[in-house]
Amino acid sequence: MSEEIEIYVYLEDEGVDVWCSTTAKPLGDGRFLLQATPDYDPEVEKWEFVPGSVVTCRVRRFQGELEHKPIAVSAD
């Protein structure tokens, strides 16, 4: 379809809110296929949605940022 976009995925079990930036391929109909970061290690980081998941997104403005960013909010 089109080129990859940047999406943020929530990291679980961090003690504070932490979001990981990764890429995703648009699939159409508002769905995206999450890609792994080059250093992705499921033993170190527990992503709410693992690479290979098909997710939908919404936008969020993180503290200190001017622009809204897409975040993964649900998986098929």
C-alpha atoms as a PDB file:
ATOM      1  CA  MET A   1       0.000   0.000   0.000  1.00  0.00           C
ATOM      2  CA  SER A   2       1.887   3.120   1.122  1.00  0.00           C
ATOM      3  CA  GLU A   3       5.127   3.546   2.986  1.00  0.00           C
ATOM      4  CA  GLU A   4       5.597   2.920   6.699  1.00  0.00           C
ATOM      5  CA  ILE A   5       4.598   5.440   9.340  1.00  0.00           C
ATOM      6  CA  GLU A   6       5.765   6.013  12.914  1.00  0.00           C
ATOM      7  CA  ILE A   7       3.432   4.666  15.631  1.00  0.00           C
ATOM      8  CA  TYR A   8       3.864   4.576  19.407  1.00  0.00           C
ATOM      9  CA  VAL A   9       3.197   1.401  21.428  1.00  0.00           C
ATOM     10  CA  TYR A  10       2.666   1.357  25.191  1.00  0.00           C
ATOM     11  CA  LEU A  11       5.244  -0.579  27.212  1.00  0.00           C
ATOM     12  CA  GLU A  12       3.759  -2.640  30.033  1.00  0.00           C
ATOM     13  CA  ASP A  13       5.328  -3.351  33.425  1.00  0.00           C
ATOM     14  CA  GLU A  14       7.516  -0.200  33.414  1.00  0.00           C
ATOM     15  CA  GLY A  15       6.168   1.383  36.619  1.00  0.00           C
ATOM     16  CA  VAL A  16       5.480   4.655  34.756  1.00  0.00           C
ATOM     17  CA  ASP A  17       3.878   5.412  31.386  1.00  0.00           C
ATOM     18  CA  VAL A  18       6.421   4.584  28.664  1.00  0.00           C
ATOM     19  CA  TRP A  19       5.775   4.589  24.915  1.00  0.00           C
ATOM     20  CA  CYS A  20       8.044   3.003  22.297  1.00  0.00           C
ATOM     21  CA  SER A  21       8.324   4.481  18.818  1.00  0.00           C
ATOM     22  CA  THR A  22       8.192   1.926  16.013  1.00  0.00           C
ATOM     23  CA  THR A  23       7.102   1.725  12.397  1.00  0.00           C
ATOM     24  CA  ALA A  24       3.948   0.274  10.916  1.00  0.00           C
ATOM     25  CA  LYS A  25       2.669  -0.509   7.439  1.00  0.00           C
ATOM     26  CA  PRO A  26      -0.764   0.946   6.597  1.00  0.00           C
ATOM     27  CA  LEU A  27      -3.182  -1.833   5.588  1.00  0.00           C
ATOM     28  CA  GLY A  28      -6.186   0.365   4.820  1.00  0.00           C
ATOM     29  CA  ASP A  29      -9.422   0.843   6.751  1.00  0.00           C
ATOM     30  CA  GLY A  30      -7.467   2.519   9.571  1.00  0.00           C
ATOM     31  CA  ARG A  31      -5.436  -0.616  10.359  1.00  0.00           C
ATOM     32  CA  PHE A  32      -1.646  -0.908  10.605  1.00  0.00           C
ATOM     33  CA  LEU A  33       0.821  -3.815  10.768  1.00  0.00           C
ATOM     34  CA  LEU A  34       3.358  -3.172  13.553  1.00  0.00           C
ATOM     35  CA  GLN A  35       7.030  -3.686  12.736  1.00  0.00           C
ATOM     36  CA  ALA A  36       9.766  -4.489  15.252  1.00  0.00           C
ATOM     37  CA  THR A  37      12.411  -1.911  16.078  1.00  0.00           C
ATOM     38  CA  PRO A  38      15.974  -3.050  15.243  1.00  0.00           C
ATOM     39  CA  ASP A  39      16.692  -3.618  18.948  1.00  0.00           C
ATOM     40  CA  TYR A  40      13.321  -5.186  19.889  1.00  0.00           C
ATOM     41  CA  ASP A  41      13.756  -7.778  22.645  1.00  0.00           C
ATOM     42  CA  PRO A  42      10.593  -9.209  24.249  1.00  0.00           C
ATOM     43  CA  GLU A  43      12.690 -10.275  27.244  1.00  0.00           C
ATOM     44  CA  VAL A  44      13.566  -6.615  27.933  1.00  0.00           C
ATOM     45  CA  GLU A  45      10.430  -4.732  26.817  1.00  0.00           C
ATOM     46  CA  LYS A  46       6.839  -5.948  27.050  1.00  0.00           C
ATOM     47  CA  TRP A  47       4.927  -4.175  24.283  1.00  0.00           C
ATOM     48  CA  GLU A  48       1.143  -3.909  24.708  1.00  0.00           C
ATOM     49  CA  PHE A  49       0.901  -5.034  21.046  1.00  0.00           C
ATOM     50  CA  VAL A  50       3.811  -7.137  19.746  1.00  0.00           C
ATOM     51  CA  PRO A  51       5.426  -6.716  16.327  1.00  0.00           C
ATOM     52  CA  GLY A  52       3.277  -8.399  13.697  1.00  0.00           C
ATOM     53  CA  SER A  53       0.039  -7.270  15.378  1.00  0.00           C
ATOM     54  CA  VAL A  54      -2.571  -5.500  13.284  1.00  0.00           C
ATOM     55  CA  VAL A  55      -3.648  -2.427  15.241  1.00  0.00           C
ATOM     56  CA  THR A  56      -5.867   0.611  15.030  1.00  0.00           C
ATOM     57  CA  CYS A  57      -4.682   3.981  16.255  1.00  0.00           C
ATOM     58  CA  ARG A  58      -5.771   7.254  17.730  1.00  0.00           C
ATOM     59  CA  VAL A  59      -3.720  10.395  18.156  1.00  0.00           C
ATOM     60  CA  ARG A  60      -2.249  11.712  21.384  1.00  0.00           C
ATOM     61  CA  ARG A  61      -0.139  14.718  22.267  1.00  0.00           C
ATOM     62  CA  PHE A  62       2.659  13.733  24.622  1.00  0.00           C
ATOM     63  CA  GLN A  63       3.797  16.140  27.320  1.00  0.00           C
ATOM     64  CA  GLY A  64       6.320  18.612  25.941  1.00  0.00           C
ATOM     65  CA  GLU A  65       5.448  17.818  22.315  1.00  0.00           C
ATOM     66  CA  LEU A  66       3.743  20.207  19.912  1.00  0.00           C
ATOM     67  CA  GLU A  67       2.393  17.620  17.484  1.00  0.00           C
ATOM     68  CA  HIS A  68      -0.078  14.803  18.052  1.00  0.00           C
ATOM     69  CA  LYS A  69       1.359  11.318  17.474  1.00  0.00           C
ATOM     70  CA  PRO A  70      -0.449   8.088  16.481  1.00  0.00           C
ATOM     71  CA  ILE A  71      -0.633   5.487  19.251  1.00  0.00           C
ATOM     72  CA  ALA A  72      -1.758   1.858  18.970  1.00  0.00           C
ATOM     73  CA  VAL A  73      -5.018   1.357  20.872  1.00  0.00           C
ATOM     74  CA  SER A  74      -6.460  -2.007  19.791  1.00  0.00           C
ATOM     75  CA  ALA A  75      -5.486  -5.151  17.930  1.00  0.00           C
ATOM     76  CA  ASP A  76      -7.416  -7.409  15.559  1.00  0.00           C
END
